[in-house]
Amino acid sequence: MTILDRMDSCCPECNLFLLPAQDISQQLRADERFLRFAIIAIVLVLILFAYMYYLNLV
């Protein structure tokens, strides 16, 4: 096993650049907020369409 301590962070076997591990906790919180917002928006649109459909029947 080769220790990767080269300055360019390039793998000597496959020549791909390696990315350092990052703290993803903030990204996960942002993703969770976005998904929660998207689900709420979808539910509100479905309720709006159901209400419009109900108004057309009455």
N, C-alpha and C. Protein backbone atom coordinates (compact mmCIF):
# COMPACT_ATOMS: atom_id res chain seq x y z
N MET A 1 0.85 -1.17 0.00
CA MET A 1 0.00 0.00 0.00
C MET A 1 0.90 1.24 0.00
N THR A 2 0.60 2.14 -0.87
CA THR A 2 1.39 3.36 -1.00
C THR A 2 0.77 4.47 -0.17
N ILE A 3 1.57 5.17 0.57
CA ILE A 3 1.08 6.31 1.34
C ILE A 3 0.97 7.50 0.40
N LEU A 4 -0.22 8.10 0.39
CA LEU A 4 -0.46 9.23 -0.51
C LEU A 4 -0.13 10.53 0.21
N ASP A 5 1.08 10.97 0.07
CA ASP A 5 1.46 12.24 0.68
C ASP A 5 2.00 13.21 -0.37
N ARG A 6 1.65 12.97 -1.60
CA ARG A 6 2.11 13.85 -2.67
C ARG A 6 1.35 15.17 -2.60
N MET A 7 1.96 16.22 -3.10
CA MET A 7 1.38 17.55 -3.03
C MET A 7 0.13 17.70 -3.90
N ASP A 8 0.06 16.98 -5.02
CA ASP A 8 -1.07 17.15 -5.92
C ASP A 8 -2.25 16.26 -5.57
N SER A 9 -2.14 15.42 -4.53
CA SER A 9 -3.20 14.52 -4.09
C SER A 9 -3.69 13.63 -5.23
N CYS A 10 -2.77 13.20 -6.04
CA CYS A 10 -3.11 12.37 -7.19
C CYS A 10 -2.74 10.92 -6.87
N CYS A 11 -3.65 10.01 -7.17
CA CYS A 11 -3.39 8.59 -6.94
C CYS A 11 -2.34 8.11 -7.94
N PRO A 12 -1.28 7.43 -7.47
CA PRO A 12 -0.23 7.00 -8.40
C PRO A 12 -0.68 5.87 -9.33
N GLU A 13 -1.73 5.14 -8.97
CA GLU A 13 -2.18 4.02 -9.81
C GLU A 13 -3.17 4.45 -10.87
N CYS A 14 -4.20 5.20 -10.44
CA CYS A 14 -5.26 5.54 -11.41
C CYS A 14 -5.20 6.98 -11.88
N ASN A 15 -4.31 7.79 -11.30
CA ASN A 15 -4.13 9.20 -11.67
C ASN A 15 -5.38 10.05 -11.46
N LEU A 16 -6.24 9.66 -10.53
CA LEU A 16 -7.40 10.47 -10.18
C LEU A 16 -7.05 11.35 -9.00
N PHE A 17 -7.62 12.54 -8.96
CA PHE A 17 -7.37 13.44 -7.84
C PHE A 17 -8.25 13.04 -6.67
N LEU A 18 -7.69 13.08 -5.49
CA LEU A 18 -8.40 12.70 -4.28
C LEU A 18 -8.89 13.95 -3.57
N LEU A 19 -10.09 13.88 -3.03
CA LEU A 19 -10.65 15.01 -2.30
C LEU A 19 -10.53 14.75 -0.81
N PRO A 20 -10.17 15.75 -0.04
CA PRO A 20 -10.08 15.54 1.40
C PRO A 20 -11.46 15.34 2.00
N ALA A 21 -11.54 14.60 3.08
CA ALA A 21 -12.81 14.39 3.77
C ALA A 21 -13.26 15.71 4.38
N GLN A 22 -14.51 16.04 4.19
CA GLN A 22 -15.04 17.30 4.69
C GLN A 22 -16.12 17.02 5.73
N ASP A 23 -16.37 17.99 6.57
CA ASP A 23 -17.44 17.88 7.54
C ASP A 23 -18.76 18.08 6.81
N ILE A 24 -19.56 17.04 6.75
CA ILE A 24 -20.80 17.11 5.96
C ILE A 24 -22.02 17.37 6.82
N SER A 25 -21.84 17.65 8.10
CA SER A 25 -23.00 17.84 8.97
C SER A 25 -23.81 19.07 8.56
N GLN A 26 -23.15 20.15 8.16
CA GLN A 26 -23.89 21.33 7.72
C GLN A 26 -24.61 21.06 6.40
N GLN A 27 -23.98 20.32 5.52
CA GLN A 27 -24.62 19.99 4.25
C GLN A 27 -25.85 19.11 4.47
N LEU A 28 -25.76 18.18 5.42
CA LEU A 28 -26.90 17.32 5.71
C LEU A 28 -28.07 18.13 6.26
N ARG A 29 -27.78 19.10 7.12
CA ARG A 29 -28.86 19.95 7.65
C ARG A 29 -29.51 20.76 6.54
N ALA A 30 -28.72 21.28 5.63
CA ALA A 30 -29.27 22.06 4.51
C ALA A 30 -30.11 21.17 3.61
N ASP A 31 -29.63 19.95 3.34
CA ASP A 31 -30.40 19.02 2.52
C ASP A 31 -31.71 18.64 3.20
N GLU A 32 -31.66 18.45 4.52
CA GLU A 32 -32.88 18.09 5.25
C GLU A 32 -33.89 19.23 5.19
N ARG A 33 -33.41 20.47 5.36
CA ARG A 33 -34.32 21.62 5.25
C ARG A 33 -34.92 21.73 3.87
N PHE A 34 -34.11 21.52 2.83
CA PHE A 34 -34.61 21.60 1.46
C PHE A 34 -35.66 20.53 1.19
N LEU A 35 -35.40 19.29 1.65
CA LEU A 35 -36.36 18.22 1.44
C LEU A 35 -37.66 18.47 2.20
N ARG A 36 -37.54 18.99 3.41
CA ARG A 36 -38.74 19.30 4.19
C ARG A 36 -39.56 20.38 3.48
N PHE A 37 -38.89 21.42 2.97
CA PHE A 37 -39.57 22.48 2.24
C PHE A 37 -40.24 21.93 0.98
N ALA A 38 -39.55 21.05 0.25
CA ALA A 38 -40.11 20.50 -0.98
C ALA A 38 -41.34 19.65 -0.68
N ILE A 39 -41.30 18.86 0.38
CA ILE A 39 -42.46 18.03 0.73
C ILE A 39 -43.64 18.90 1.14
N ILE A 40 -43.38 19.93 1.93
CA ILE A 40 -44.47 20.84 2.33
C ILE A 40 -45.05 21.54 1.11
N ALA A 41 -44.20 21.96 0.18
CA ALA A 41 -44.69 22.63 -1.03
C ALA A 41 -45.55 21.68 -1.87
N ILE A 42 -45.14 20.43 -2.00
CA ILE A 42 -45.92 19.46 -2.77
C ILE A 42 -47.26 19.21 -2.11
N VAL A 43 -47.28 19.08 -0.78
CA VAL A 43 -48.54 18.85 -0.07
C VAL A 43 -49.46 20.05 -0.25
N LEU A 44 -48.93 21.25 -0.14
CA LEU A 44 -49.77 22.45 -0.32
C LEU A 44 -50.33 22.54 -1.73
N VAL A 45 -49.55 22.21 -2.73
CA VAL A 45 -50.03 22.23 -4.12
C VAL A 45 -51.13 21.18 -4.30
N LEU A 46 -50.96 20.00 -3.72
CA LEU A 46 -51.99 18.96 -3.83
C LEU A 46 -53.28 19.39 -3.14
N ILE A 47 -53.18 20.04 -1.99
CA ILE A 47 -54.37 20.53 -1.30
C ILE A 47 -55.04 21.61 -2.14
N LEU A 48 -54.25 22.50 -2.74
CA LEU A 48 -54.80 23.55 -3.59
C LEU A 48 -55.54 22.95 -4.79
N PHE A 49 -54.95 21.96 -5.44
CA PHE A 49 -55.62 21.33 -6.58
C PHE A 49 -56.89 20.61 -6.15
N ALA A 50 -56.87 19.96 -5.00
CA ALA A 50 -58.08 19.28 -4.51
C ALA A 50 -59.18 20.30 -4.22
N TYR A 51 -58.81 21.44 -3.65
CA TYR A 51 -59.79 22.49 -3.37
C TYR A 51 -60.36 23.06 -4.66
N MET A 52 -59.51 23.30 -5.65
CA MET A 52 -59.99 23.81 -6.94
C MET A 52 -60.91 22.79 -7.60
N TYR A 53 -60.58 21.52 -7.51
CA TYR A 53 -61.42 20.46 -8.08
C TYR A 53 -62.77 20.43 -7.37
N TYR A 54 -62.75 20.60 -6.04
CA TYR A 54 -63.98 20.61 -5.26
C TYR A 54 -64.85 21.80 -5.65
N LEU A 55 -64.25 22.96 -5.87
CA LEU A 55 -65.02 24.15 -6.26
C LEU A 55 -65.68 23.95 -7.62
N ASN A 56 -65.05 23.25 -8.52
CA ASN A 56 -65.63 23.01 -9.84
C ASN A 56 -66.78 22.04 -9.78
N LEU A 57 -66.80 21.14 -8.79
CA LEU A 57 -67.89 20.18 -8.66
C LEU A 57 -69.13 20.81 -8.03
N VAL A 58 -68.92 21.81 -7.20
CA VAL A 58 -70.05 22.42 -6.47
C VAL A 58 -70.74 23.44 -7.30
